[in-house]
């Protein structure tokens, strides 16, 4: 949980993502709430179709790119800024939108 949700680096990436998608996520991940609690409260306001897009943004694009940054640092000895990781997230989402038309954000 800490790595992908609550460390200061991850929190900065989440903040950028939340602001970019118009703060449609309920809250930035926090160590004060369980992952399950955050997940449920974040997805609750969305209808089923919107929920699928939000799940993709949360899990695949954001958490996955944070995880890949961790691996880049640990195994490759390289690192990116939070802005660089955010750019990767936006690029992945844009590519998916061109290919499939979803998820729809910013």
PDB file of N, CA and C in Angstrom:
ATOM      1  N   UNK A   1       0.825  -1.183   0.000  1.00  0.00           N
ATOM      2  CA  UNK A   1       0.000   0.000   0.000  1.00  0.00           C
ATOM      3  C   UNK A   1       0.877   1.259   0.000  1.00  0.00           C
ATOM      4  N   UNK A   2       1.885   1.295   0.840  1.00  0.00           N
ATOM      5  CA  UNK A   2       2.690   2.506   0.970  1.00  0.00           C
ATOM      6  C   UNK A   2       3.279   2.949  -0.367  1.00  0.00           C
ATOM      7  N   UNK A   3       3.901   2.029  -1.076  1.00  0.00           N
ATOM      8  CA  UNK A   3       4.589   2.384  -2.314  1.00  0.00           C
ATOM      9  C   UNK A   3       3.661   3.030  -3.337  1.00  0.00           C
ATOM     10  N   UNK A   4       2.553   2.411  -3.624  1.00  0.00           N
ATOM     11  CA  UNK A   4       1.685   2.907  -4.692  1.00  0.00           C
ATOM     12  C   UNK A   4       0.660   3.936  -4.246  1.00  0.00           C
ATOM     13  N   UNK A   5       0.472   4.093  -2.939  1.00  0.00           N
ATOM     14  CA  UNK A   5      -0.574   5.011  -2.513  1.00  0.00           C
ATOM     15  C   UNK A   5      -0.121   6.147  -1.607  1.00  0.00           C
ATOM     16  N   UNK A   6       0.724   5.875  -0.632  1.00  0.00           N
ATOM     17  CA  UNK A   6       0.919   6.888   0.402  1.00  0.00           C
ATOM     18  C   UNK A   6       2.325   7.457   0.565  1.00  0.00           C
ATOM     19  N   UNK A   7       3.339   6.932  -0.116  1.00  0.00           N
ATOM     20  CA  UNK A   7       4.652   7.565   0.023  1.00  0.00           C
ATOM     21  C   UNK A   7       4.575   8.952  -0.620  1.00  0.00           C
ATOM     22  N   UNK A   8       5.442   9.861  -0.219  1.00  0.00           N
ATOM     23  CA  UNK A   8       5.342  11.248  -0.687  1.00  0.00           C
ATOM     24  C   UNK A   8       5.457  11.347  -2.209  1.00  0.00           C
ATOM     25  N   UNK A   9       6.281  10.521  -2.834  1.00  0.00           N
ATOM     26  CA  UNK A   9       6.416  10.531  -4.297  1.00  0.00           C
ATOM     27  C   UNK A   9       5.081  10.140  -4.940  1.00  0.00           C
ATOM     28  N   UNK A  10       4.510   9.028  -4.467  1.00  0.00           N
ATOM     29  CA  UNK A  10       3.237   8.545  -5.012  1.00  0.00           C
ATOM     30  C   UNK A  10       2.117   9.545  -4.780  1.00  0.00           C
ATOM     31  N   UNK A  11       2.090  10.130  -3.600  1.00  0.00           N
ATOM     32  CA  UNK A  11       1.037  11.107  -3.287  1.00  0.00           C
ATOM     33  C   UNK A  11       1.112  12.306  -4.244  1.00  0.00           C
ATOM     34  N   UNK A  12       2.314  12.698  -4.617  1.00  0.00           N
ATOM     35  CA  UNK A  12       2.453  13.805  -5.563  1.00  0.00           C
ATOM     36  C   UNK A  12       1.915  13.407  -6.940  1.00  0.00           C
ATOM     37  N   UNK A  13       2.207  12.195  -7.369  1.00  0.00           N
ATOM     38  CA  UNK A  13       1.664  11.709  -8.651  1.00  0.00           C
ATOM     39  C   UNK A  13       0.138  11.658  -8.577  1.00  0.00           C
ATOM     40  N   UNK A  14      -0.393  11.089  -7.494  1.00  0.00           N
ATOM     41  CA  UNK A  14      -1.857  11.023  -7.327  1.00  0.00           C
ATOM     42  C   UNK A  14      -2.475  12.410  -7.363  1.00  0.00           C
ATOM     43  N   UNK A  15      -1.842  13.365  -6.719  1.00  0.00           N
ATOM     44  CA  UNK A  15      -2.359  14.732  -6.696  1.00  0.00           C
ATOM     45  C   UNK A  15      -2.472  15.282  -8.124  1.00  0.00           C
ATOM     46  N   UNK A  16      -1.457  15.060  -8.943  1.00  0.00           N
ATOM     47  CA  UNK A  16      -1.490  15.524 -10.328  1.00  0.00           C
ATOM     48  C   UNK A  16      -2.614  14.837 -11.108  1.00  0.00           C
ATOM     49  N   UNK A  17      -2.754  13.530 -10.913  1.00  0.00           N
ATOM     50  CA  UNK A  17      -3.801  12.786 -11.624  1.00  0.00           C
ATOM     51  C   UNK A  17      -5.180  13.285 -11.202  1.00  0.00           C
ATOM     52  N   UNK A  18      -5.394  13.433  -9.900  1.00  0.00           N
ATOM     53  CA  UNK A  18      -6.687  13.889  -9.385  1.00  0.00           C
ATOM     54  C   UNK A  18      -7.026  15.272  -9.937  1.00  0.00           C
ATOM     55  N   UNK A  19      -6.066  16.177  -9.940  1.00  0.00           N
ATOM     56  CA  UNK A  19      -6.310  17.515 -10.487  1.00  0.00           C
ATOM     57  C   UNK A  19      -6.588  17.471 -11.981  1.00  0.00           C
ATOM     58  N   UNK A  20      -5.879  16.628 -12.694  1.00  0.00           N
ATOM     59  CA  UNK A  20      -6.038  16.535 -14.146  1.00  0.00           C
ATOM     60  C   UNK A  20      -7.411  15.998 -14.535  1.00  0.00           C
ATOM     61  N   UNK A  21      -7.925  15.042 -13.794  1.00  0.00           N
ATOM     62  CA  UNK A  21      -9.229  14.474 -14.153  1.00  0.00           C
ATOM     63  C   UNK A  21     -10.374  15.261 -13.523  1.00  0.00           C
ATOM     64  N   UNK A  22     -10.083  16.412 -13.011  1.00  0.00           N
ATOM     65  CA  UNK A  22     -11.124  17.284 -12.496  1.00  0.00           C
ATOM     66  C   UNK A  22     -11.573  16.921 -11.095  1.00  0.00           C
ATOM     67  N   UNK A  23     -10.692  16.333 -10.320  1.00  0.00           N
ATOM     68  CA  UNK A  23     -10.969  15.944  -8.948  1.00  0.00           C
ATOM     69  C   UNK A  23     -12.212  15.074  -8.841  1.00  0.00           C
ATOM     70  N   UNK A  24     -12.404  14.222  -9.811  1.00  0.00           N
ATOM     71  CA  UNK A  24     -13.543  13.312  -9.777  1.00  0.00           C
ATOM     72  C   UNK A  24     -13.304  12.159  -8.821  1.00  0.00           C
ATOM     73  N   UNK A  25     -12.072  11.963  -8.388  1.00  0.00           N
ATOM     74  CA  UNK A  25     -11.822  10.966  -7.364  1.00  0.00           C
ATOM     75  C   UNK A  25     -12.180  11.585  -6.025  1.00  0.00           C
ATOM     76  N   UNK A  26     -12.759  10.795  -5.151  1.00  0.00           N
ATOM     77  CA  UNK A  26     -13.211  11.300  -3.862  1.00  0.00           C
ATOM     78  C   UNK A  26     -12.063  11.877  -3.053  1.00  0.00           C
ATOM     79  N   UNK A  27     -10.988  11.149  -2.939  1.00  0.00           N
ATOM     80  CA  UNK A  27      -9.887  11.610  -2.102  1.00  0.00           C
ATOM     81  C   UNK A  27      -8.576  11.013  -2.570  1.00  0.00           C
ATOM     82  N   UNK A  28      -7.540  11.736  -2.311  1.00  0.00           N
ATOM     83  CA  UNK A  28      -6.206  11.212  -2.558  1.00  0.00           C
ATOM     84  C   UNK A  28      -5.978  10.079  -1.568  1.00  0.00           C
ATOM     85  N   UNK A  29      -5.290   9.019  -1.979  1.00  0.00           N
ATOM     86  CA  UNK A  29      -5.008   7.926  -1.043  1.00  0.00           C
ATOM     87  C   UNK A  29      -4.343   8.453   0.221  1.00  0.00           C
ATOM     88  N   UNK A  30      -4.669   7.837   1.326  1.00  0.00           N
ATOM     89  CA  UNK A  30      -4.153   8.280   2.618  1.00  0.00           C
ATOM     90  C   UNK A  30      -3.856   7.093   3.507  1.00  0.00           C
ATOM     91  N   UNK A  31      -2.861   7.239   4.365  1.00  0.00           N
ATOM     92  CA  UNK A  31      -2.550   6.170   5.315  1.00  0.00           C
ATOM     93  C   UNK A  31      -3.612   6.087   6.409  1.00  0.00           C
ATOM     94  N   UNK A  32      -4.535   7.059   6.449  1.00  0.00           N
ATOM     95  CA  UNK A  32      -5.574   7.084   7.471  1.00  0.00           C
ATOM     96  C   UNK A  32      -6.750   6.158   7.139  1.00  0.00           C
ATOM     97  N   UNK A  33      -6.811   5.653   5.927  1.00  0.00           N
ATOM     98  CA  UNK A  33      -7.925   4.809   5.503  1.00  0.00           C
ATOM     99  C   UNK A  33      -7.356   3.542   4.877  1.00  0.00           C
ATOM    100  N   UNK A  34      -8.076   2.446   4.988  1.00  0.00           N
ATOM    101  CA  UNK A  34      -7.615   1.204   4.372  1.00  0.00           C
ATOM    102  C   UNK A  34      -7.729   1.321   2.858  1.00  0.00           C
ATOM    103  N   UNK A  35      -6.977   0.507   2.159  1.00  0.00           N
ATOM    104  CA  UNK A  35      -7.056   0.500   0.695  1.00  0.00           C
ATOM    105  C   UNK A  35      -8.488   0.158   0.270  1.00  0.00           C
ATOM    106  N   UNK A  36      -9.068  -0.833   0.918  1.00  0.00           N
ATOM    107  CA  UNK A  36     -10.439  -1.223   0.577  1.00  0.00           C
ATOM    108  C   UNK A  36     -11.417  -0.070   0.809  1.00  0.00           C
ATOM    109  N   UNK A  37     -11.284   0.615   1.936  1.00  0.00           N
ATOM    110  CA  UNK A  37     -12.163   1.745   2.229  1.00  0.00           C
ATOM    111  C   UNK A  37     -12.007   2.857   1.211  1.00  0.00           C
ATOM    112  N   UNK A  38     -10.762   3.160   0.864  1.00  0.00           N
ATOM    113  CA  UNK A  38     -10.515   4.196  -0.137  1.00  0.00           C
ATOM    114  C   UNK A  38     -11.092   3.788  -1.494  1.00  0.00           C
ATOM    115  N   UNK A  39     -10.876   2.541  -1.867  1.00  0.00           N
ATOM    116  CA  UNK A  39     -11.355   2.025  -3.150  1.00  0.00           C
ATOM    117  C   UNK A  39     -12.880   2.134  -3.242  1.00  0.00           C
ATOM    118  N   UNK A  40     -13.559   1.681  -2.210  1.00  0.00           N
ATOM    119  CA  UNK A  40     -15.023   1.707  -2.197  1.00  0.00           C
ATOM    120  C   UNK A  40     -15.542   3.146  -2.236  1.00  0.00           C
ATOM    121  N   UNK A  41     -14.991   4.016  -1.402  1.00  0.00           N
ATOM    122  CA  UNK A  41     -15.475   5.398  -1.364  1.00  0.00           C
ATOM    123  C   UNK A  41     -15.143   6.159  -2.644  1.00  0.00           C
ATOM    124  N   UNK A  42     -14.055   5.806  -3.280  1.00  0.00           N
ATOM    125  CA  UNK A  42     -13.673   6.467  -4.521  1.00  0.00           C
ATOM    126  C   UNK A  42     -14.585   6.086  -5.675  1.00  0.00           C
ATOM    127  N   UNK A  43     -14.943   4.819  -5.764  1.00  0.00           N
ATOM    128  CA  UNK A  43     -15.740   4.351  -6.897  1.00  0.00           C
ATOM    129  C   UNK A  43     -17.244   4.463  -6.689  1.00  0.00           C
ATOM    130  N   UNK A  44     -17.696   4.634  -5.459  1.00  0.00           N
ATOM    131  CA  UNK A  44     -19.127   4.655  -5.140  1.00  0.00           C
ATOM    132  C   UNK A  44     -19.942   5.680  -5.940  1.00  0.00           C
ATOM    133  N   UNK A  45     -19.444   6.888  -6.156  1.00  0.00           N
ATOM    134  CA  UNK A  45     -20.275   7.883  -6.852  1.00  0.00           C
ATOM    135  C   UNK A  45     -20.479   7.624  -8.353  1.00  0.00           C
ATOM    136  N   UNK A  46     -19.748   6.697  -8.918  1.00  0.00           N
ATOM    137  CA  UNK A  46     -19.784   6.505 -10.367  1.00  0.00           C
ATOM    138  C   UNK A  46     -20.746   5.405 -10.787  1.00  0.00           C
ATOM    139  N   UNK A  47     -21.401   5.650 -11.919  1.00  0.00           N
ATOM    140  CA  UNK A  47     -22.223   4.601 -12.516  1.00  0.00           C
ATOM    141  C   UNK A  47     -21.308   3.520 -13.060  1.00  0.00           C
ATOM    142  N   UNK A  48     -21.860   2.379 -13.372  1.00  0.00           N
ATOM    143  CA  UNK A  48     -21.076   1.215 -13.780  1.00  0.00           C
ATOM    144  C   UNK A  48     -20.111   1.516 -14.926  1.00  0.00           C
ATOM    145  N   UNK A  49     -20.596   2.162 -15.962  1.00  0.00           N
ATOM    146  CA  UNK A  49     -19.742   2.447 -17.124  1.00  0.00           C
ATOM    147  C   UNK A  49     -18.600   3.395 -16.748  1.00  0.00           C
ATOM    148  N   UNK A  50     -18.907   4.443 -15.986  1.00  0.00           N
ATOM    149  CA  UNK A  50     -17.872   5.371 -15.540  1.00  0.00           C
ATOM    150  C   UNK A  50     -16.883   4.674 -14.615  1.00  0.00           C
ATOM    151  N   UNK A  51     -17.387   3.759 -13.807  1.00  0.00           N
ATOM    152  CA  UNK A  51     -16.544   3.045 -12.845  1.00  0.00           C
ATOM    153  C   UNK A  51     -15.432   2.279 -13.550  1.00  0.00           C
ATOM    154  N   UNK A  52     -15.743   1.682 -14.699  1.00  0.00           N
ATOM    155  CA  UNK A  52     -14.719   0.943 -15.448  1.00  0.00           C
ATOM    156  C   UNK A  52     -13.576   1.864 -15.863  1.00  0.00           C
ATOM    157  N   UNK A  53     -13.900   3.062 -16.312  1.00  0.00           N
ATOM    158  CA  UNK A  53     -12.867   4.019 -16.699  1.00  0.00           C
ATOM    159  C   UNK A  53     -12.045   4.443 -15.499  1.00  0.00           C
ATOM    160  N   UNK A  54     -12.710   4.686 -14.373  1.00  0.00           N
ATOM    161  CA  UNK A  54     -11.998   5.099 -13.176  1.00  0.00           C
ATOM    162  C   UNK A  54     -11.078   3.991 -12.673  1.00  0.00           C
ATOM    163  N   UNK A  55     -11.541   2.753 -12.727  1.00  0.00           N
ATOM    164  CA  UNK A  55     -10.696   1.624 -12.322  1.00  0.00           C
ATOM    165  C   UNK A  55      -9.447   1.574 -13.201  1.00  0.00           C
ATOM    166  N   UNK A  56      -9.613   1.782 -14.491  1.00  0.00           N
ATOM    167  CA  UNK A  56      -8.461   1.775 -15.400  1.00  0.00           C
ATOM    168  C   UNK A  56      -7.486   2.893 -15.037  1.00  0.00           C
ATOM    169  N   UNK A  57      -8.012   4.077 -14.775  1.00  0.00           N
ATOM    170  CA  UNK A  57      -7.145   5.204 -14.430  1.00  0.00           C
ATOM    171  C   UNK A  57      -6.412   4.931 -13.123  1.00  0.00           C
ATOM    172  N   UNK A  58      -7.139   4.427 -12.144  1.00  0.00           N
ATOM    173  CA  UNK A  58      -6.547   4.192 -10.829  1.00  0.00           C
ATOM    174  C   UNK A  58      -5.531   3.063 -10.865  1.00  0.00           C
ATOM    175  N   UNK A  59      -5.946   1.911 -11.336  1.00  0.00           N
ATOM    176  CA  UNK A  59      -5.104   0.716 -11.227  1.00  0.00           C
ATOM    177  C   UNK A  59      -4.068   0.617 -12.338  1.00  0.00           C
ATOM    178  N   UNK A  60      -4.533   0.628 -13.573  1.00  0.00           N
ATOM    179  CA  UNK A  60      -3.594   0.374 -14.651  1.00  0.00           C
ATOM    180  C   UNK A  60      -2.694   1.569 -14.902  1.00  0.00           C
ATOM    181  N   UNK A  61      -3.274   2.716 -15.075  1.00  0.00           N
ATOM    182  CA  UNK A  61      -2.452   3.846 -15.485  1.00  0.00           C
ATOM    183  C   UNK A  61      -1.657   4.458 -14.335  1.00  0.00           C
ATOM    184  N   UNK A  62      -2.296   4.723 -13.206  1.00  0.00           N
ATOM    185  CA  UNK A  62      -1.583   5.414 -12.130  1.00  0.00           C
ATOM    186  C   UNK A  62      -0.745   4.453 -11.294  1.00  0.00           C
ATOM    187  N   UNK A  63      -1.375   3.472 -10.654  1.00  0.00           N
ATOM    188  CA  UNK A  63      -0.623   2.550  -9.785  1.00  0.00           C
ATOM    189  C   UNK A  63       0.448   1.802 -10.584  1.00  0.00           C
ATOM    190  N   UNK A  64       0.114   1.396 -11.796  1.00  0.00           N
ATOM    191  CA  UNK A  64       1.067   0.649 -12.615  1.00  0.00           C
ATOM    192  C   UNK A  64       2.288   1.496 -12.961  1.00  0.00           C
ATOM    193  N   UNK A  65       2.075   2.757 -13.331  1.00  0.00           N
ATOM    194  CA  UNK A  65       3.218   3.605 -13.664  1.00  0.00           C
ATOM    195  C   UNK A  65       4.048   3.956 -12.440  1.00  0.00           C
ATOM    196  N   UNK A  66       3.438   4.052 -11.283  1.00  0.00           N
ATOM    197  CA  UNK A  66       4.207   4.245 -10.048  1.00  0.00           C
ATOM    198  C   UNK A  66       5.051   2.995  -9.780  1.00  0.00           C
ATOM    199  N   UNK A  67       4.454   1.828  -9.973  1.00  0.00           N
ATOM    200  CA  UNK A  67       5.195   0.567  -9.780  1.00  0.00           C
ATOM    201  C   UNK A  67       6.358   0.460 -10.764  1.00  0.00           C
ATOM    202  N   UNK A  68       6.115   0.833 -12.028  1.00  0.00           N
ATOM    203  CA  UNK A  68       7.187   0.792 -13.018  1.00  0.00           C
ATOM    204  C   UNK A  68       8.313   1.763 -12.659  1.00  0.00           C
ATOM    205  N   UNK A  69       7.971   2.900 -12.073  1.00  0.00           N
ATOM    206  CA  UNK A  69       9.002   3.848 -11.625  1.00  0.00           C
ATOM    207  C   UNK A  69       9.829   3.233 -10.513  1.00  0.00           C
ATOM    208  N   UNK A  70       9.178   2.533  -9.617  1.00  0.00           N
ATOM    209  CA  UNK A  70       9.901   1.827  -8.552  1.00  0.00           C
ATOM    210  C   UNK A  70      10.893   0.845  -9.155  1.00  0.00           C
ATOM    211  N   UNK A  71      10.456   0.068 -10.127  1.00  0.00           N
ATOM    212  CA  UNK A  71      11.334  -0.908 -10.780  1.00  0.00           C
ATOM    213  C   UNK A  71      12.460  -0.227 -11.552  1.00  0.00           C
ATOM    214  N   UNK A  72      12.176   0.899 -12.176  1.00  0.00           N
ATOM    215  CA  UNK A  72      13.200   1.657 -12.904  1.00  0.00           C
ATOM    216  C   UNK A  72      14.312   2.061 -11.935  1.00  0.00           C
ATOM    217  N   UNK A  73      13.927   2.476 -10.740  1.00  0.00           N
ATOM    218  CA  UNK A  73      14.901   2.903  -9.729  1.00  0.00           C
ATOM    219  C   UNK A  73      15.673   1.724  -9.155  1.00  0.00           C
ATOM    220  N   UNK A  74      14.958   0.670  -8.796  1.00  0.00           N
ATOM    221  CA  UNK A  74      15.586  -0.474  -8.125  1.00  0.00           C
ATOM    222  C   UNK A  74      16.450  -1.278  -9.092  1.00  0.00           C
ATOM    223  N   UNK A  75      15.923  -1.579 -10.268  1.00  0.00           N
ATOM    224  CA  UNK A  75      16.616  -2.485 -11.181  1.00  0.00           C
ATOM    225  C   UNK A  75      17.417  -1.789 -12.274  1.00  0.00           C
ATOM    226  N   UNK A  76      17.062  -0.553 -12.587  1.00  0.00           N
ATOM    227  CA  UNK A  76      17.752   0.146 -13.659  1.00  0.00           C
ATOM    228  C   UNK A  76      18.660   1.256 -13.189  1.00  0.00           C
ATOM    229  N   UNK A  77      18.563   1.614 -11.912  1.00  0.00           N
ATOM    230  CA  UNK A  77      19.379   2.701 -11.395  1.00  0.00           C
ATOM    231  C   UNK A  77      19.041   4.047 -12.000  1.00  0.00           C
ATOM    232  N   UNK A  78      17.839   4.184 -12.523  1.00  0.00           N
ATOM    233  CA  UNK A  78      17.387   5.431 -13.141  1.00  0.00           C
ATOM    234  C   UNK A  78      16.130   5.893 -12.428  1.00  0.00           C
ATOM    235  N   UNK A  79      15.814   7.159 -12.593  1.00  0.00           N
ATOM    236  CA  UNK A  79      14.582   7.651 -11.989  1.00  0.00           C
ATOM    237  C   UNK A  79      13.985   8.758 -12.836  1.00  0.00           C
ATOM    238  N   UNK A  80      12.693   8.946 -12.651  1.00  0.00           N
ATOM    239  CA  UNK A  80      11.964  10.016 -13.325  1.00  0.00           C
ATOM    240  C   UNK A  80      11.373  10.925 -12.264  1.00  0.00           C
ATOM    241  N   UNK A  81      11.130  12.143 -12.631  1.00  0.00           N
ATOM    242  CA  UNK A  81      10.425  13.054 -11.730  1.00  0.00           C
ATOM    243  C   UNK A  81       8.961  12.652 -11.692  1.00  0.00           C
ATOM    244  N   UNK A  82       8.235  13.187 -10.728  1.00  0.00           N
ATOM    245  CA  UNK A  82       6.796  12.917 -10.668  1.00  0.00           C
ATOM    246  C   UNK A  82       6.100  13.465 -11.907  1.00  0.00           C
ATOM    247  N   UNK A  83       6.590  14.562 -12.420  1.00  0.00           N
ATOM    248  CA  UNK A  83       6.015  15.138 -13.643  1.00  0.00           C
ATOM    249  C   UNK A  83       6.233  14.183 -14.813  1.00  0.00           C
ATOM    250  N   UNK A  84       7.391  13.535 -14.852  1.00  0.00           N
ATOM    251  CA  UNK A  84       7.662  12.553 -15.908  1.00  0.00           C
ATOM    252  C   UNK A  84       6.738  11.354 -15.825  1.00  0.00           C
ATOM    253  N   UNK A  85       6.505  10.861 -14.613  1.00  0.00           N
ATOM    254  CA  UNK A  85       5.586   9.725 -14.441  1.00  0.00           C
ATOM    255  C   UNK A  85       4.172  10.152 -14.805  1.00  0.00           C
ATOM    256  N   UNK A  86       3.771  11.340 -14.403  1.00  0.00           N
ATOM    257  CA  UNK A  86       2.449  11.851 -14.761  1.00  0.00           C
ATOM    258  C   UNK A  86       2.310  11.960 -16.279  1.00  0.00           C
ATOM    259  N   UNK A  87       3.357  12.381 -16.956  1.00  0.00           N
ATOM    260  CA  UNK A  87       3.328  12.458 -18.426  1.00  0.00           C
ATOM    261  C   UNK A  87       3.140  11.075 -19.032  1.00  0.00           C
ATOM    262  N   UNK A  88       3.779  10.060 -18.446  1.00  0.00           N
ATOM    263  CA  UNK A  88       3.579   8.685 -18.926  1.00  0.00           C
ATOM    264  C   UNK A  88       2.134   8.247 -18.740  1.00  0.00           C
ATOM    265  N   UNK A  89       1.553   8.583 -17.595  1.00  0.00           N
ATOM    266  CA  UNK A  89       0.155   8.231 -17.321  1.00  0.00           C
ATOM    267  C   UNK A  89      -0.755   8.873 -18.364  1.00  0.00           C
ATOM    268  N   UNK A  90      -0.572  10.168 -18.581  1.00  0.00           N
ATOM    269  CA  UNK A  90      -1.401  10.871 -19.581  1.00  0.00           C
ATOM    270  C   UNK A  90      -1.194  10.287 -20.973  1.00  0.00           C
ATOM    271  N   UNK A  91       0.044   9.947 -21.311  1.00  0.00           N
ATOM    272  CA  UNK A  91       0.320   9.353 -22.615  1.00  0.00           C
ATOM    273  C   UNK A  91      -0.339   7.990 -22.777  1.00  0.00           C
ATOM    274  N   UNK A  92      -0.285   7.175 -21.733  1.00  0.00           N
ATOM    275  CA  UNK A  92      -0.943   5.859 -21.783  1.00  0.00           C
ATOM    276  C   UNK A  92      -2.446   6.004 -21.963  1.00  0.00           C
ATOM    277  N   UNK A  93      -3.049   6.951 -21.237  1.00  0.00           N
ATOM    278  CA  UNK A  93      -4.492   7.171 -21.345  1.00  0.00           C
ATOM    279  C   UNK A  93      -4.849   7.689 -22.731  1.00  0.00           C
ATOM    280  N   UNK A  94      -4.058   8.607 -23.258  1.00  0.00           N
ATOM    281  CA  UNK A  94      -4.318   9.139 -24.604  1.00  0.00           C
ATOM    282  C   UNK A  94      -4.222   8.041 -25.652  1.00  0.00           C
ATOM    283  N   UNK A  95      -3.241   7.173 -25.522  1.00  0.00           N
ATOM    284  CA  UNK A  95      -3.097   6.057 -26.457  1.00  0.00           C
ATOM    285  C   UNK A  95      -4.306   5.140 -26.387  1.00  0.00           C
ATOM    286  N   UNK A  96      -4.744   4.831 -25.178  1.00  0.00           N
ATOM    287  CA  UNK A  96      -5.924   3.978 -24.993  1.00  0.00           C
ATOM    288  C   UNK A  96      -7.176   4.630 -25.590  1.00  0.00           C
ATOM    289  N   UNK A  97      -7.313   5.937 -25.397  1.00  0.00           N
ATOM    290  CA  UNK A  97      -8.477   6.646 -25.957  1.00  0.00           C
ATOM    291  C   UNK A  97      -8.486   6.578 -27.464  1.00  0.00           C
ATOM    292  N   UNK A  98      -7.305   6.734 -28.072  1.00  0.00           N
ATOM    293  CA  UNK A  98      -7.234   6.654 -29.540  1.00  0.00           C
ATOM    294  C   UNK A  98      -7.572   5.260 -30.029  1.00  0.00           C
ATOM    295  N   UNK A  99      -7.148   4.249 -29.286  1.00  0.00           N
ATOM    296  CA  UNK A  99      -7.374   2.872 -29.710  1.00  0.00           C
ATOM    297  C   UNK A  99      -8.789   2.385 -29.427  1.00  0.00           C
ATOM    298  N   UNK A 100      -9.330   2.773 -28.256  1.00  0.00           N
ATOM    299  CA  UNK A 100     -10.595   2.185 -27.801  1.00  0.00           C
ATOM    300  C   UNK A 100     -11.686   3.169 -27.465  1.00  0.00           C
ATOM    301  N   UNK A 101     -11.341   4.417 -27.357  1.00  0.00           N
ATOM    302  CA  UNK A 101     -12.333   5.422 -27.003  1.00  0.00           C
ATOM    303  C   UNK A 101     -12.572   5.572 -25.518  1.00  0.00           C
ATOM    304  N   UNK A 102     -11.858   4.838 -24.669  1.00  0.00           N
ATOM    305  CA  UNK A 102     -12.003   4.956 -23.217  1.00  0.00           C
ATOM    306  C   UNK A 102     -10.646   4.829 -22.574  1.00  0.00           C
ATOM    307  N   UNK A 103     -10.419   5.200 -21.383  1.00  0.00           N
ATOM    308  CA  UNK A 103     -11.303   5.954 -20.512  1.00  0.00           C
ATOM    309  C   UNK A 103     -11.337   7.413 -20.888  1.00  0.00           C
ATOM    310  N   UNK A 104     -12.420   8.076 -20.575  1.00  0.00           N
ATOM    311  CA  UNK A 104     -12.570   9.466 -20.978  1.00  0.00           C
ATOM    312  C   UNK A 104     -12.264  10.410 -19.821  1.00  0.00           C
ATOM    313  N   UNK A 105     -11.162  11.098 -19.945  1.00  0.00           N
ATOM    314  CA  UNK A 105     -10.761  12.129 -18.986  1.00  0.00           C
ATOM    315  C   UNK A 105     -10.094  13.250 -19.751  1.00  0.00           C
ATOM    316  N   UNK A 106      -9.925  14.376 -19.053  1.00  0.00           N
ATOM    317  CA  UNK A 106      -9.193  15.544 -19.527  1.00  0.00           C
ATOM    318  C   UNK A 106      -8.878  15.501 -20.919  1.00  0.00           C
TER     319      UNK A 106
END
